[in-house]
Amino acid sequence: MKINGENFSQSKPVLLRDLIKNLGYSTDKIAVELNGDIVPKSSYSEITARSGDIIEIVSFVGGG
């Protein structure tokens, strides 16, 4: 799978929620796209990421 344009080795399918957590992201301040589709936060614990998937994770950063 590719995450944010970089190859990522994952030996078996993983819930998107667990993948996000293992990568160190907080689900509060991100948006996730899986194979070109935006994934609702409510679906993170239902959707499985697999080999060949393309995932983009965007973090929201505040500033002033």
C-alpha atoms as a PDB file:
ATOM      1  CA  MET A   1       0.000   0.000   0.000  1.00  0.00           C
ATOM      2  CA  LYS A   2       0.997   3.610  -0.368  1.00  0.00           C
ATOM      3  CA  ILE A   3       0.479   6.143   2.388  1.00  0.00           C
ATOM      4  CA  ASN A   4       0.973   9.811   1.491  1.00  0.00           C
ATOM      5  CA  GLY A   5       2.875   8.799  -1.624  1.00  0.00           C
ATOM      6  CA  GLU A   6       5.322   6.451   0.100  1.00  0.00           C
ATOM      7  CA  ASN A   7       5.355   2.668  -0.048  1.00  0.00           C
ATOM      8  CA  PHE A   8       4.258   1.104   3.219  1.00  0.00           C
ATOM      9  CA  SER A   9       4.633  -2.583   3.945  1.00  0.00           C
ATOM     10  CA  GLN A  10       1.679  -4.173   5.726  1.00  0.00           C
ATOM     11  CA  SER A  11       1.695  -7.970   5.861  1.00  0.00           C
ATOM     12  CA  LYS A  12      -2.050  -8.375   6.398  1.00  0.00           C
ATOM     13  CA  PRO A  13      -5.223  -6.285   6.148  1.00  0.00           C
ATOM     14  CA  VAL A  14      -5.662  -3.806   8.998  1.00  0.00           C
ATOM     15  CA  LEU A  15      -8.562  -1.670  10.187  1.00  0.00           C
ATOM     16  CA  LEU A  16      -8.099   1.903   9.087  1.00  0.00           C
ATOM     17  CA  ARG A  17      -8.565   3.020  12.713  1.00  0.00           C
ATOM     18  CA  ASP A  18      -5.640   0.846  13.836  1.00  0.00           C
ATOM     19  CA  LEU A  19      -3.422   1.899  10.941  1.00  0.00           C
ATOM     20  CA  ILE A  20      -4.029   5.582  11.734  1.00  0.00           C
ATOM     21  CA  LYS A  21      -3.231   4.996  15.403  1.00  0.00           C
ATOM     22  CA  ASN A  22      -0.070   2.988  14.604  1.00  0.00           C
ATOM     23  CA  LEU A  23       1.146   5.817  12.379  1.00  0.00           C
ATOM     24  CA  GLY A  24       0.787   8.237  15.305  1.00  0.00           C
ATOM     25  CA  TYR A  25      -2.134  10.303  14.025  1.00  0.00           C
ATOM     26  CA  SER A  26      -4.970  11.614  16.160  1.00  0.00           C
ATOM     27  CA  THR A  27      -8.311  11.013  14.453  1.00  0.00           C
ATOM     28  CA  ASP A  28      -9.552  14.404  15.707  1.00  0.00           C
ATOM     29  CA  LYS A  29      -7.446  16.454  13.330  1.00  0.00           C
ATOM     30  CA  ILE A  30      -7.111  14.431  10.130  1.00  0.00           C
ATOM     31  CA  ALA A  31      -8.942  13.625   6.944  1.00  0.00           C
ATOM     32  CA  VAL A  32      -8.379  10.294   5.206  1.00  0.00           C
ATOM     33  CA  GLU A  33      -8.744   9.420   1.553  1.00  0.00           C
ATOM     34  CA  LEU A  34      -8.730   5.756   0.531  1.00  0.00           C
ATOM     35  CA  ASN A  35      -8.326   4.999  -3.167  1.00  0.00           C
ATOM     36  CA  GLY A  36      -9.627   8.435  -4.114  1.00  0.00           C
ATOM     37  CA  ASP A  37     -12.637   8.479  -1.766  1.00  0.00           C
ATOM     38  CA  ILE A  38     -12.905  10.516   1.439  1.00  0.00           C
ATOM     39  CA  VAL A  39     -13.530   8.203   4.404  1.00  0.00           C
ATOM     40  CA  PRO A  40     -15.946   9.465   7.070  1.00  0.00           C
ATOM     41  CA  LYS A  41     -14.479   9.346  10.578  1.00  0.00           C
ATOM     42  CA  SER A  42     -17.389   7.139  11.620  1.00  0.00           C
ATOM     43  CA  SER A  43     -16.125   4.457   9.208  1.00  0.00           C
ATOM     44  CA  TYR A  44     -12.500   4.244  10.395  1.00  0.00           C
ATOM     45  CA  SER A  45     -13.310   1.230  12.590  1.00  0.00           C
ATOM     46  CA  GLU A  46     -15.241  -0.532   9.807  1.00  0.00           C
ATOM     47  CA  ILE A  47     -12.951  -0.163   6.771  1.00  0.00           C
ATOM     48  CA  THR A  48      -9.989  -2.439   6.207  1.00  0.00           C
ATOM     49  CA  ALA A  49      -6.858  -1.228   4.417  1.00  0.00           C
ATOM     50  CA  ARG A  50      -5.212  -3.821   2.197  1.00  0.00           C
ATOM     51  CA  SER A  51      -2.137  -4.279   0.054  1.00  0.00           C
ATOM     52  CA  GLY A  52      -2.470  -2.169  -3.079  1.00  0.00           C
ATOM     53  CA  ASP A  53      -4.570   0.544  -1.419  1.00  0.00           C
ATOM     54  CA  ILE A  54      -3.588   4.182  -1.794  1.00  0.00           C
ATOM     55  CA  ILE A  55      -4.142   6.206   1.363  1.00  0.00           C
ATOM     56  CA  GLU A  56      -3.725   9.925   1.868  1.00  0.00           C
ATOM     57  CA  ILE A  57      -3.813  11.331   5.391  1.00  0.00           C
ATOM     58  CA  VAL A  58      -4.061  15.090   5.793  1.00  0.00           C
ATOM     59  CA  SER A  59      -3.469  16.729   9.168  1.00  0.00           C
ATOM     60  CA  PHE A  60      -5.158  19.980  10.056  1.00  0.00           C
ATOM     61  CA  VAL A  61      -2.808  22.568  11.531  1.00  0.00           C
ATOM     62  CA  GLY A  62      -4.028  25.692  13.243  1.00  0.00           C
ATOM     63  CA  GLY A  63      -2.182  28.918  13.185  1.00  0.00           C
ATOM     64  CA  GLY A  64      -2.620  32.547  13.778  1.00  0.00           C
END
